[in-house]
Amino acid sequence: MMYEMRSYRTMPGRMPALLARFENHTLGLWKRHGIRQAGFWTTLVGESSYDLTYLVAWESMAEREQKWTAFMNDPEWIKARADSEKDGPILANVSNQFLAPTSFSAVK
């Protein structure tokens, strides 16, 4: 098992639109594509309160490539993303890392 940690920095004032997009569209599409989320967090104290960080669980990099590509090319996702950005862009920056649990991690 590996985890992908993704961090999204929103444009000022656009966090509610990002959260709504995940809650109302993205998570349902992920379920349909077999993408498993392992948690979502907003930043209370830190570099920026404009950040959303989340983890996605993957069996392998091959699984990630297959499922993420299918999701990104899903016409329903493309429409949801475009609709959510009709008032302007939501994201200022996206970063991601792939993480492997240690032998002593509570999360495997």
PDB file of N, CA and C in Angstrom:
ATOM      1  N   MET A   1       0.856  -1.177   0.000  1.00  0.00           N
ATOM      2  CA  MET A   1       0.000   0.000   0.000  1.00  0.00           C
ATOM      3  C   MET A   1       0.894   1.230   0.000  1.00  0.00           C
ATOM      4  N   MET A   2       0.504   2.211  -0.776  1.00  0.00           N
ATOM      5  CA  MET A   2       1.182   3.507  -0.763  1.00  0.00           C
ATOM      6  C   MET A   2       0.119   4.584  -0.696  1.00  0.00           C
ATOM      7  N   TYR A   3       0.541   5.758  -0.309  1.00  0.00           N
ATOM      8  CA  TYR A   3      -0.375   6.881  -0.168  1.00  0.00           C
ATOM      9  C   TYR A   3       0.131   8.058  -0.988  1.00  0.00           C
ATOM     10  N   GLU A   4      -0.803   8.733  -1.605  1.00  0.00           N
ATOM     11  CA  GLU A   4      -0.482   9.966  -2.303  1.00  0.00           C
ATOM     12  C   GLU A   4      -1.017  11.113  -1.452  1.00  0.00           C
ATOM     13  N   MET A   5      -0.121  12.001  -1.069  1.00  0.00           N
ATOM     14  CA  MET A   5      -0.529  13.191  -0.326  1.00  0.00           C
ATOM     15  C   MET A   5      -0.584  14.347  -1.317  1.00  0.00           C
ATOM     16  N   ARG A   6      -1.760  14.929  -1.441  1.00  0.00           N
ATOM     17  CA  ARG A   6      -1.954  16.048  -2.357  1.00  0.00           C
ATOM     18  C   ARG A   6      -2.316  17.288  -1.538  1.00  0.00           C
ATOM     19  N   SER A   7      -1.711  18.402  -1.885  1.00  0.00           N
ATOM     20  CA  SER A   7      -1.996  19.672  -1.219  1.00  0.00           C
ATOM     21  C   SER A   7      -2.430  20.677  -2.272  1.00  0.00           C
ATOM     22  N   TYR A   8      -3.569  21.285  -2.010  1.00  0.00           N
ATOM     23  CA  TYR A   8      -4.117  22.294  -2.914  1.00  0.00           C
ATOM     24  C   TYR A   8      -4.122  23.631  -2.185  1.00  0.00           C
ATOM     25  N   ARG A   9      -3.520  24.628  -2.782  1.00  0.00           N
ATOM     26  CA  ARG A   9      -3.617  25.996  -2.273  1.00  0.00           C
ATOM     27  C   ARG A   9      -4.664  26.701  -3.121  1.00  0.00           C
ATOM     28  N   THR A  10      -5.713  27.181  -2.468  1.00  0.00           N
ATOM     29  CA  THR A  10      -6.793  27.839  -3.192  1.00  0.00           C
ATOM     30  C   THR A  10      -6.496  29.314  -3.403  1.00  0.00           C
ATOM     31  N   MET A  11      -7.186  29.865  -4.356  1.00  0.00           N
ATOM     32  CA  MET A  11      -7.174  31.305  -4.536  1.00  0.00           C
ATOM     33  C   MET A  11      -7.921  31.909  -3.332  1.00  0.00           C
ATOM     34  N   PRO A  12      -7.604  33.135  -2.938  1.00  0.00           N
ATOM     35  CA  PRO A  12      -8.311  33.749  -1.803  1.00  0.00           C
ATOM     36  C   PRO A  12      -9.831  33.702  -1.991  1.00  0.00           C
ATOM     37  N   GLY A  13     -10.508  33.245  -0.941  1.00  0.00           N
ATOM     38  CA  GLY A  13     -11.963  33.177  -0.947  1.00  0.00           C
ATOM     39  C   GLY A  13     -12.563  31.995  -1.683  1.00  0.00           C
ATOM     40  N   ARG A  14     -11.738  31.099  -2.230  1.00  0.00           N
ATOM     41  CA  ARG A  14     -12.260  30.003  -3.057  1.00  0.00           C
ATOM     42  C   ARG A  14     -12.298  28.641  -2.359  1.00  0.00           C
ATOM     43  N   MET A  15     -11.881  28.577  -1.071  1.00  0.00           N
ATOM     44  CA  MET A  15     -11.935  27.301  -0.354  1.00  0.00           C
ATOM     45  C   MET A  15     -13.356  26.719  -0.329  1.00  0.00           C
ATOM     46  N   PRO A  16     -14.403  27.510  -0.056  1.00  0.00           N
ATOM     47  CA  PRO A  16     -15.747  26.908  -0.066  1.00  0.00           C
ATOM     48  C   PRO A  16     -16.103  26.241  -1.392  1.00  0.00           C
ATOM     49  N   ALA A  17     -15.685  26.808  -2.503  1.00  0.00           N
ATOM     50  CA  ALA A  17     -15.971  26.204  -3.809  1.00  0.00           C
ATOM     51  C   ALA A  17     -15.224  24.885  -3.970  1.00  0.00           C
ATOM     52  N   LEU A  18     -13.977  24.820  -3.496  1.00  0.00           N
ATOM     53  CA  LEU A  18     -13.209  23.577  -3.590  1.00  0.00           C
ATOM     54  C   LEU A  18     -13.837  22.492  -2.721  1.00  0.00           C
ATOM     55  N   LEU A  19     -14.194  22.830  -1.496  1.00  0.00           N
ATOM     56  CA  LEU A  19     -14.803  21.848  -0.601  1.00  0.00           C
ATOM     57  C   LEU A  19     -16.127  21.345  -1.166  1.00  0.00           C
ATOM     58  N   ALA A  20     -16.928  22.242  -1.720  1.00  0.00           N
ATOM     59  CA  ALA A  20     -18.206  21.841  -2.313  1.00  0.00           C
ATOM     60  C   ALA A  20     -17.982  20.922  -3.505  1.00  0.00           C
ATOM     61  N   ARG A  21     -16.964  21.207  -4.310  1.00  0.00           N
ATOM     62  CA  ARG A  21     -16.683  20.363  -5.473  1.00  0.00           C
ATOM     63  C   ARG A  21     -16.319  18.945  -5.028  1.00  0.00           C
ATOM     64  N   PHE A  22     -15.488  18.822  -3.995  1.00  0.00           N
ATOM     65  CA  PHE A  22     -15.155  17.489  -3.491  1.00  0.00           C
ATOM     66  C   PHE A  22     -16.393  16.790  -2.945  1.00  0.00           C
ATOM     67  N   GLU A  23     -17.119  17.478  -2.077  1.00  0.00           N
ATOM     68  CA  GLU A  23     -18.253  16.851  -1.407  1.00  0.00           C
ATOM     69  C   GLU A  23     -19.383  16.483  -2.365  1.00  0.00           C
ATOM     70  N   ASN A  24     -19.660  17.339  -3.332  1.00  0.00           N
ATOM     71  CA  ASN A  24     -20.825  17.152  -4.195  1.00  0.00           C
ATOM     72  C   ASN A  24     -20.536  16.442  -5.508  1.00  0.00           C
ATOM     73  N   HIS A  25     -19.273  16.364  -5.909  1.00  0.00           N
ATOM     74  CA  HIS A  25     -18.967  15.777  -7.212  1.00  0.00           C
ATOM     75  C   HIS A  25     -17.801  14.789  -7.166  1.00  0.00           C
ATOM     76  N   THR A  26     -16.635  15.278  -6.727  1.00  0.00           N
ATOM     77  CA  THR A  26     -15.399  14.497  -6.852  1.00  0.00           C
ATOM     78  C   THR A  26     -15.480  13.161  -6.128  1.00  0.00           C
ATOM     79  N   LEU A  27     -15.937  13.159  -4.881  1.00  0.00           N
ATOM     80  CA  LEU A  27     -15.919  11.908  -4.116  1.00  0.00           C
ATOM     81  C   LEU A  27     -16.821  10.837  -4.727  1.00  0.00           C
ATOM     82  N   GLY A  28     -17.945  11.217  -5.281  1.00  0.00           N
ATOM     83  CA  GLY A  28     -18.805  10.254  -5.965  1.00  0.00           C
ATOM     84  C   GLY A  28     -18.140   9.673  -7.205  1.00  0.00           C
ATOM     85  N   LEU A  29     -17.442  10.527  -7.940  1.00  0.00           N
ATOM     86  CA  LEU A  29     -16.716  10.050  -9.118  1.00  0.00           C
ATOM     87  C   LEU A  29     -15.566   9.143  -8.709  1.00  0.00           C
ATOM     88  N   TRP A  30     -14.862   9.516  -7.631  1.00  0.00           N
ATOM     89  CA  TRP A  30     -13.787   8.655  -7.143  1.00  0.00           C
ATOM     90  C   TRP A  30     -14.329   7.275  -6.802  1.00  0.00           C
ATOM     91  N   LYS A  31     -15.471   7.230  -6.124  1.00  0.00           N
ATOM     92  CA  LYS A  31     -16.054   5.940  -5.746  1.00  0.00           C
ATOM     93  C   LYS A  31     -16.329   5.105  -6.997  1.00  0.00           C
ATOM     94  N   ARG A  32     -16.881   5.738  -8.009  1.00  0.00           N
ATOM     95  CA  ARG A  32     -17.183   5.034  -9.261  1.00  0.00           C
ATOM     96  C   ARG A  32     -15.910   4.503  -9.929  1.00  0.00           C
ATOM     97  N   HIS A  33     -14.807   5.235  -9.786  1.00  0.00           N
ATOM     98  CA  HIS A  33     -13.541   4.827 -10.404  1.00  0.00           C
ATOM     99  C   HIS A  33     -12.682   3.961  -9.472  1.00  0.00           C
ATOM    100  N   GLY A  34     -13.157   3.695  -8.245  1.00  0.00           N
ATOM    101  CA  GLY A  34     -12.409   2.851  -7.321  1.00  0.00           C
ATOM    102  C   GLY A  34     -11.257   3.555  -6.630  1.00  0.00           C
ATOM    103  N   ILE A  35     -11.326   4.881  -6.538  1.00  0.00           N
ATOM    104  CA  ILE A  35     -10.277   5.664  -5.860  1.00  0.00           C
ATOM    105  C   ILE A  35     -10.666   5.798  -4.388  1.00  0.00           C
ATOM    106  N   ARG A  36      -9.724   5.423  -3.493  1.00  0.00           N
ATOM    107  CA  ARG A  36      -9.994   5.380  -2.050  1.00  0.00           C
ATOM    108  C   ARG A  36      -9.304   6.541  -1.329  1.00  0.00           C
ATOM    109  N   GLN A  37     -10.101   7.442  -0.786  1.00  0.00           N
ATOM    110  CA  GLN A  37      -9.517   8.528   0.002  1.00  0.00           C
ATOM    111  C   GLN A  37      -9.240   8.041   1.412  1.00  0.00           C
ATOM    112  N   ALA A  38      -8.159   8.571   2.008  1.00  0.00           N
ATOM    113  CA  ALA A  38      -7.775   8.180   3.369  1.00  0.00           C
ATOM    114  C   ALA A  38      -7.887   9.344   4.346  1.00  0.00           C
ATOM    115  N   GLY A  39      -8.374  10.494   3.899  1.00  0.00           N
ATOM    116  CA  GLY A  39      -8.588  11.624   4.789  1.00  0.00           C
ATOM    117  C   GLY A  39      -8.363  12.959   4.100  1.00  0.00           C
ATOM    118  N   PHE A  40      -9.060  13.963   4.609  1.00  0.00           N
ATOM    119  CA  PHE A  40      -8.958  15.342   4.125  1.00  0.00           C
ATOM    120  C   PHE A  40      -8.774  16.266   5.313  1.00  0.00           C
ATOM    121  N   TRP A  41      -7.943  17.305   5.121  1.00  0.00           N
ATOM    122  CA  TRP A  41      -7.690  18.277   6.180  1.00  0.00           C
ATOM    123  C   TRP A  41      -7.584  19.678   5.600  1.00  0.00           C
ATOM    124  N   THR A  42      -8.127  20.642   6.317  1.00  0.00           N
ATOM    125  CA  THR A  42      -7.844  22.045   6.027  1.00  0.00           C
ATOM    126  C   THR A  42      -6.832  22.509   7.067  1.00  0.00           C
ATOM    127  N   THR A  43      -6.093  23.545   6.742  1.00  0.00           N
ATOM    128  CA  THR A  43      -5.045  24.039   7.628  1.00  0.00           C
ATOM    129  C   THR A  43      -5.615  25.067   8.590  1.00  0.00           C
ATOM    130  N   LEU A  44      -5.527  24.776   9.890  1.00  0.00           N
ATOM    131  CA  LEU A  44      -5.962  25.725  10.918  1.00  0.00           C
ATOM    132  C   LEU A  44      -4.832  26.674  11.299  1.00  0.00           C
ATOM    133  N   VAL A  45      -3.638  26.098  11.493  1.00  0.00           N
ATOM    134  CA  VAL A  45      -2.459  26.884  11.834  1.00  0.00           C
ATOM    135  C   VAL A  45      -1.334  26.361  10.958  1.00  0.00           C
ATOM    136  N   GLY A  46      -0.655  27.246  10.292  1.00  0.00           N
ATOM    137  CA  GLY A  46       0.434  26.837   9.407  1.00  0.00           C
ATOM    138  C   GLY A  46       0.731  27.925   8.407  1.00  0.00           C
ATOM    139  N   GLU A  47       1.409  27.534   7.360  1.00  0.00           N
ATOM    140  CA  GLU A  47       1.849  28.496   6.353  1.00  0.00           C
ATOM    141  C   GLU A  47       0.673  29.236   5.706  1.00  0.00           C
ATOM    142  N   SER A  48      -0.427  28.527   5.430  1.00  0.00           N
ATOM    143  CA  SER A  48      -1.545  29.156   4.731  1.00  0.00           C
ATOM    144  C   SER A  48      -2.867  28.498   5.100  1.00  0.00           C
ATOM    145  N   SER A  49      -3.851  29.322   5.431  1.00  0.00           N
ATOM    146  CA  SER A  49      -5.194  28.799   5.687  1.00  0.00           C
ATOM    147  C   SER A  49      -5.946  28.553   4.386  1.00  0.00           C
ATOM    148  N   TYR A  50      -5.292  28.767   3.255  1.00  0.00           N
ATOM    149  CA  TYR A  50      -5.880  28.499   1.948  1.00  0.00           C
ATOM    150  C   TYR A  50      -5.601  27.075   1.477  1.00  0.00           C
ATOM    151  N   ASP A  51      -5.033  26.217   2.345  1.00  0.00           N
ATOM    152  CA  ASP A  51      -4.607  24.880   1.936  1.00  0.00           C
ATOM    153  C   ASP A  51      -5.604  23.796   2.310  1.00  0.00           C
ATOM    154  N   LEU A  52      -5.792  22.866   1.379  1.00  0.00           N
ATOM    155  CA  LEU A  52      -6.502  21.616   1.623  1.00  0.00           C
ATOM    156  C   LEU A  52      -5.506  20.507   1.330  1.00  0.00           C
ATOM    157  N   THR A  53      -5.346  19.585   2.276  1.00  0.00           N
ATOM    158  CA  THR A  53      -4.433  18.451   2.112  1.00  0.00           C
ATOM    159  C   THR A  53      -5.250  17.173   2.250  1.00  0.00           C
ATOM    160  N   TYR A  54      -4.967  16.201   1.382  1.00  0.00           N
ATOM    161  CA  TYR A  54      -5.671  14.923   1.501  1.00  0.00           C
ATOM    162  C   TYR A  54      -4.766  13.779   1.086  1.00  0.00           C
ATOM    163  N   LEU A  55      -5.166  12.571   1.516  1.00  0.00           N
ATOM    164  CA  LEU A  55      -4.452  11.347   1.190  1.00  0.00           C
ATOM    165  C   LEU A  55      -5.343  10.428   0.367  1.00  0.00           C
ATOM    166  N   VAL A  56      -4.735   9.792  -0.626  1.00  0.00           N
ATOM    167  CA  VAL A  56      -5.398   8.771  -1.423  1.00  0.00           C
ATOM    168  C   VAL A  56      -4.591   7.493  -1.270  1.00  0.00           C
ATOM    169  N   ALA A  57      -5.270   6.376  -1.022  1.00  0.00           N
ATOM    170  CA  ALA A  57      -4.612   5.071  -0.847  1.00  0.00           C
ATOM    171  C   ALA A  57      -4.562   4.340  -2.176  1.00  0.00           C
ATOM    172  N   TRP A  58      -3.390   3.807  -2.496  1.00  0.00           N
ATOM    173  CA  TRP A  58      -3.180   3.060  -3.735  1.00  0.00           C
ATOM    174  C   TRP A  58      -2.481   1.733  -3.428  1.00  0.00           C
ATOM    175  N   GLU A  59      -2.810   0.706  -4.177  1.00  0.00           N
ATOM    176  CA  GLU A  59      -2.117  -0.573  -4.076  1.00  0.00           C
ATOM    177  C   GLU A  59      -0.750  -0.504  -4.757  1.00  0.00           C
ATOM    178  N   SER A  60      -0.664   0.296  -5.835  1.00  0.00           N
ATOM    179  CA  SER A  60       0.572   0.384  -6.613  1.00  0.00           C
ATOM    180  C   SER A  60       0.532   1.640  -7.470  1.00  0.00           C
ATOM    181  N   MET A  61       1.679   1.988  -8.035  1.00  0.00           N
ATOM    182  CA  MET A  61       1.734   3.119  -8.951  1.00  0.00           C
ATOM    183  C   MET A  61       0.941   2.806 -10.217  1.00  0.00           C
ATOM    184  N   ALA A  62       0.923   1.558 -10.636  1.00  0.00           N
ATOM    185  CA  ALA A  62       0.149   1.171 -11.825  1.00  0.00           C
ATOM    186  C   ALA A  62      -1.343   1.390 -11.593  1.00  0.00           C
ATOM    187  N   GLU A  63      -1.828   1.013 -10.400  1.00  0.00           N
ATOM    188  CA  GLU A  63      -3.239   1.262 -10.082  1.00  0.00           C
ATOM    189  C   GLU A  63      -3.525   2.751 -10.116  1.00  0.00           C
ATOM    190  N   ARG A  64      -2.628   3.541  -9.544  1.00  0.00           N
ATOM    191  CA  ARG A  64      -2.816   4.991  -9.506  1.00  0.00           C
ATOM    192  C   ARG A  64      -2.916   5.556 -10.923  1.00  0.00           C
ATOM    193  N   GLU A  65      -2.013   5.158 -11.774  1.00  0.00           N
ATOM    194  CA  GLU A  65      -2.005   5.693 -13.139  1.00  0.00           C
ATOM    195  C   GLU A  65      -3.285   5.336 -13.885  1.00  0.00           C
ATOM    196  N   GLN A  66      -3.726   4.098 -13.755  1.00  0.00           N
ATOM    197  CA  GLN A  66      -4.925   3.647 -14.466  1.00  0.00           C
ATOM    198  C   GLN A  66      -6.165   4.377 -13.952  1.00  0.00           C
ATOM    199  N   LYS A  67      -6.366   4.390 -12.649  1.00  0.00           N
ATOM    200  CA  LYS A  67      -7.588   4.971 -12.087  1.00  0.00           C
ATOM    201  C   LYS A  67      -7.590   6.497 -12.157  1.00  0.00           C
ATOM    202  N   TRP A  68      -6.450   7.129 -11.895  1.00  0.00           N
ATOM    203  CA  TRP A  68      -6.398   8.599 -11.927  1.00  0.00           C
ATOM    204  C   TRP A  68      -6.608   9.106 -13.355  1.00  0.00           C
ATOM    205  N   THR A  69      -6.017   8.421 -14.327  1.00  0.00           N
ATOM    206  CA  THR A  69      -6.194   8.818 -15.725  1.00  0.00           C
ATOM    207  C   THR A  69      -7.655   8.690 -16.136  1.00  0.00           C
ATOM    208  N   ALA A  70      -8.303   7.594 -15.755  1.00  0.00           N
ATOM    209  CA  ALA A  70      -9.725   7.405 -16.078  1.00  0.00           C
ATOM    210  C   ALA A  70     -10.570   8.496 -15.433  1.00  0.00           C
ATOM    211  N   PHE A  71     -10.282   8.826 -14.180  1.00  0.00           N
ATOM    212  CA  PHE A  71     -11.015   9.893 -13.488  1.00  0.00           C
ATOM    213  C   PHE A  71     -10.816  11.229 -14.189  1.00  0.00           C
ATOM    214  N   MET A  72      -9.583  11.592 -14.471  1.00  0.00           N
ATOM    215  CA  MET A  72      -9.290  12.897 -15.073  1.00  0.00           C
ATOM    216  C   MET A  72      -9.920  13.051 -16.458  1.00  0.00           C
ATOM    217  N   ASN A  73     -10.140  11.939 -17.157  1.00  0.00           N
ATOM    218  CA  ASN A  73     -10.737  11.980 -18.490  1.00  0.00           C
ATOM    219  C   ASN A  73     -12.249  11.746 -18.477  1.00  0.00           C
ATOM    220  N   ASP A  74     -12.831  11.572 -17.306  1.00  0.00           N
ATOM    221  CA  ASP A  74     -14.270  11.333 -17.180  1.00  0.00           C
ATOM    222  C   ASP A  74     -15.021  12.612 -17.565  1.00  0.00           C
ATOM    223  N   PRO A  75     -15.918  12.558 -18.539  1.00  0.00           N
ATOM    224  CA  PRO A  75     -16.655  13.760 -18.948  1.00  0.00           C
ATOM    225  C   PRO A  75     -17.433  14.419 -17.806  1.00  0.00           C
ATOM    226  N   GLU A  76     -17.922  13.606 -16.862  1.00  0.00           N
ATOM    227  CA  GLU A  76     -18.646  14.180 -15.720  1.00  0.00           C
ATOM    228  C   GLU A  76     -17.708  15.005 -14.841  1.00  0.00           C
ATOM    229  N   TRP A  77     -16.451  14.541 -14.654  1.00  0.00           N
ATOM    230  CA  TRP A  77     -15.465  15.308 -13.893  1.00  0.00           C
ATOM    231  C   TRP A  77     -15.102  16.598 -14.638  1.00  0.00           C
ATOM    232  N   ILE A  78     -14.885  16.498 -15.919  1.00  0.00           N
ATOM    233  CA  ILE A  78     -14.515  17.677 -16.706  1.00  0.00           C
ATOM    234  C   ILE A  78     -15.606  18.736 -16.608  1.00  0.00           C
ATOM    235  N   LYS A  79     -16.867  18.328 -16.671  1.00  0.00           N
ATOM    236  CA  LYS A  79     -17.979  19.271 -16.541  1.00  0.00           C
ATOM    237  C   LYS A  79     -18.048  19.847 -15.127  1.00  0.00           C
ATOM    238  N   ALA A  80     -17.909  18.996 -14.104  1.00  0.00           N
ATOM    239  CA  ALA A  80     -17.978  19.472 -12.713  1.00  0.00           C
ATOM    240  C   ALA A  80     -16.869  20.481 -12.431  1.00  0.00           C
ATOM    241  N   ARG A  81     -15.671  20.201 -12.921  1.00  0.00           N
ATOM    242  CA  ARG A  81     -14.547  21.122 -12.727  1.00  0.00           C
ATOM    243  C   ARG A  81     -14.826  22.447 -13.413  1.00  0.00           C
ATOM    244  N   ALA A  82     -15.293  22.400 -14.652  1.00  0.00           N
ATOM    245  CA  ALA A  82     -15.586  23.633 -15.387  1.00  0.00           C
ATOM    246  C   ALA A  82     -16.710  24.425 -14.709  1.00  0.00           C
ATOM    247  N   ASP A  83     -17.761  23.745 -14.285  1.00  0.00           N
ATOM    248  CA  ASP A  83     -18.876  24.423 -13.615  1.00  0.00           C
ATOM    249  C   ASP A  83     -18.422  25.087 -12.317  1.00  0.00           C
ATOM    250  N   SER A  84     -17.537  24.411 -11.579  1.00  0.00           N
ATOM    251  CA  SER A  84     -17.091  24.955 -10.292  1.00  0.00           C
ATOM    252  C   SER A  84     -16.160  26.153 -10.474  1.00  0.00           C
ATOM    253  N   GLU A  85     -15.624  26.326 -11.671  1.00  0.00           N
ATOM    254  CA  GLU A  85     -14.702  27.434 -11.924  1.00  0.00           C
ATOM    255  C   GLU A  85     -15.326  28.524 -12.792  1.00  0.00           C
ATOM    256  N   LYS A  86     -16.658  28.515 -12.899  1.00  0.00           N
ATOM    257  CA  LYS A  86     -17.316  29.536 -13.725  1.00  0.00           C
ATOM    258  C   LYS A  86     -17.125  30.940 -13.148  1.00  0.00           C
ATOM    259  N   ASP A  87     -16.885  31.039 -11.832  1.00  0.00           N
ATOM    260  CA  ASP A  87     -16.641  32.332 -11.187  1.00  0.00           C
ATOM    261  C   ASP A  87     -15.151  32.636 -11.062  1.00  0.00           C
ATOM    262  N   GLY A  88     -14.317  31.842 -11.690  1.00  0.00           N
ATOM    263  CA  GLY A  88     -12.876  32.041 -11.653  1.00  0.00           C
ATOM    264  C   GLY A  88     -12.171  30.808 -11.146  1.00  0.00           C
ATOM    265  N   PRO A  89     -10.850  30.756 -11.328  1.00  0.00           N
ATOM    266  CA  PRO A  89     -10.078  29.593 -10.898  1.00  0.00           C
ATOM    267  C   PRO A  89     -10.178  29.370  -9.395  1.00  0.00           C
ATOM    268  N   ILE A  90     -10.136  28.112  -9.012  1.00  0.00           N
ATOM    269  CA  ILE A  90     -10.165  27.744  -7.589  1.00  0.00           C
ATOM    270  C   ILE A  90      -8.750  27.565  -7.061  1.00  0.00           C
ATOM    271  N   LEU A  91      -7.882  26.909  -7.826  1.00  0.00           N
ATOM    272  CA  LEU A  91      -6.562  26.528  -7.321  1.00  0.00           C
ATOM    273  C   LEU A  91      -5.467  27.479  -7.777  1.00  0.00           C
ATOM    274  N   ALA A  92      -4.599  27.821  -6.825  1.00  0.00           N
ATOM    275  CA  ALA A  92      -3.405  28.606  -7.137  1.00  0.00           C
ATOM    276  C   ALA A  92      -2.213  27.686  -7.350  1.00  0.00           C
ATOM    277  N   ASN A  93      -2.204  26.536  -6.643  1.00  0.00           N
ATOM    278  CA  ASN A  93      -1.068  25.627  -6.703  1.00  0.00           C
ATOM    279  C   ASN A  93      -1.503  24.234  -6.264  1.00  0.00           C
ATOM    280  N   VAL A  94      -0.896  23.220  -6.884  1.00  0.00           N
ATOM    281  CA  VAL A  94      -1.133  21.826  -6.503  1.00  0.00           C
ATOM    282  C   VAL A  94       0.226  21.165  -6.327  1.00  0.00           C
ATOM    283  N   SER A  95       0.386  20.398  -5.238  1.00  0.00           N
ATOM    284  CA  SER A  95       1.597  19.604  -5.069  1.00  0.00           C
ATOM    285  C   SER A  95       1.193  18.215  -4.600  1.00  0.00           C
ATOM    286  N   ASN A  96       2.042  17.237  -4.897  1.00  0.00           N
ATOM    287  CA  ASN A  96       1.758  15.890  -4.413  1.00  0.00           C
ATOM    288  C   ASN A  96       3.056  15.154  -4.112  1.00  0.00           C
ATOM    289  N   GLN A  97       2.924  14.160  -3.233  1.00  0.00           N
ATOM    290  CA  GLN A  97       4.023  13.282  -2.848  1.00  0.00           C
ATOM    291  C   GLN A  97       3.462  11.872  -2.739  1.00  0.00           C
ATOM    292  N   PHE A  98       4.305  10.883  -3.012  1.00  0.00           N
ATOM    293  CA  PHE A  98       3.921   9.488  -2.823  1.00  0.00           C
ATOM    294  C   PHE A  98       4.651   8.974  -1.594  1.00  0.00           C
ATOM    295  N   LEU A  99       3.905   8.404  -0.655  1.00  0.00           N
ATOM    296  CA  LEU A  99       4.432   8.006   0.644  1.00  0.00           C
ATOM    297  C   LEU A  99       4.284   6.505   0.856  1.00  0.00           C
ATOM    298  N   ALA A 100       5.298   5.896   1.445  1.00  0.00           N
ATOM    299  CA  ALA A 100       5.257   4.479   1.811  1.00  0.00           C
ATOM    300  C   ALA A 100       5.292   4.386   3.331  1.00  0.00           C
ATOM    301  N   PRO A 101       4.367   3.622   3.935  1.00  0.00           N
ATOM    302  CA  PRO A 101       4.369   3.497   5.384  1.00  0.00           C
ATOM    303  C   PRO A 101       5.610   2.757   5.891  1.00  0.00           C
ATOM    304  N   THR A 102       6.086   3.166   7.030  1.00  0.00           N
ATOM    305  CA  THR A 102       7.199   2.469   7.676  1.00  0.00           C
ATOM    306  C   THR A 102       6.684   1.185   8.340  1.00  0.00           C
ATOM    307  N   SER A 103       7.591   0.336   8.774  1.00  0.00           N
ATOM    308  CA  SER A 103       7.189  -0.914   9.432  1.00  0.00           C
ATOM    309  C   SER A 103       6.461  -0.672  10.745  1.00  0.00           C
ATOM    310  N   PHE A 104       6.644   0.500  11.358  1.00  0.00           N
ATOM    311  CA  PHE A 104       6.023   0.797  12.648  1.00  0.00           C
ATOM    312  C   PHE A 104       4.850   1.759  12.532  1.00  0.00           C
ATOM    313  N   SER A 105       4.422   2.070  11.315  1.00  0.00           N
ATOM    314  CA  SER A 105       3.299   2.994  11.105  1.00  0.00           C
ATOM    315  C   SER A 105       1.979   2.361  11.519  1.00  0.00           C
ATOM    316  N   ALA A 106       1.121   3.157  12.161  1.00  0.00           N
ATOM    317  CA  ALA A 106      -0.231   2.690  12.487  1.00  0.00           C
ATOM    318  C   ALA A 106      -1.068   2.514  11.220  1.00  0.00           C
ATOM    319  N   VAL A 107      -0.725   3.258  10.195  1.00  0.00           N
ATOM    320  CA  VAL A 107      -1.386   3.158   8.905  1.00  0.00           C
ATOM    321  C   VAL A 107      -0.484   2.351   7.977  1.00  0.00           C
ATOM    322  N   LYS A 108      -1.006   1.285   7.421  1.00  0.00           N
ATOM    323  CA  LYS A 108      -0.194   0.408   6.556  1.00  0.00           C
ATOM    324  C   LYS A 108      -0.555   0.609   5.122  1.00  0.00           C
TER     325      LYS A 108
END
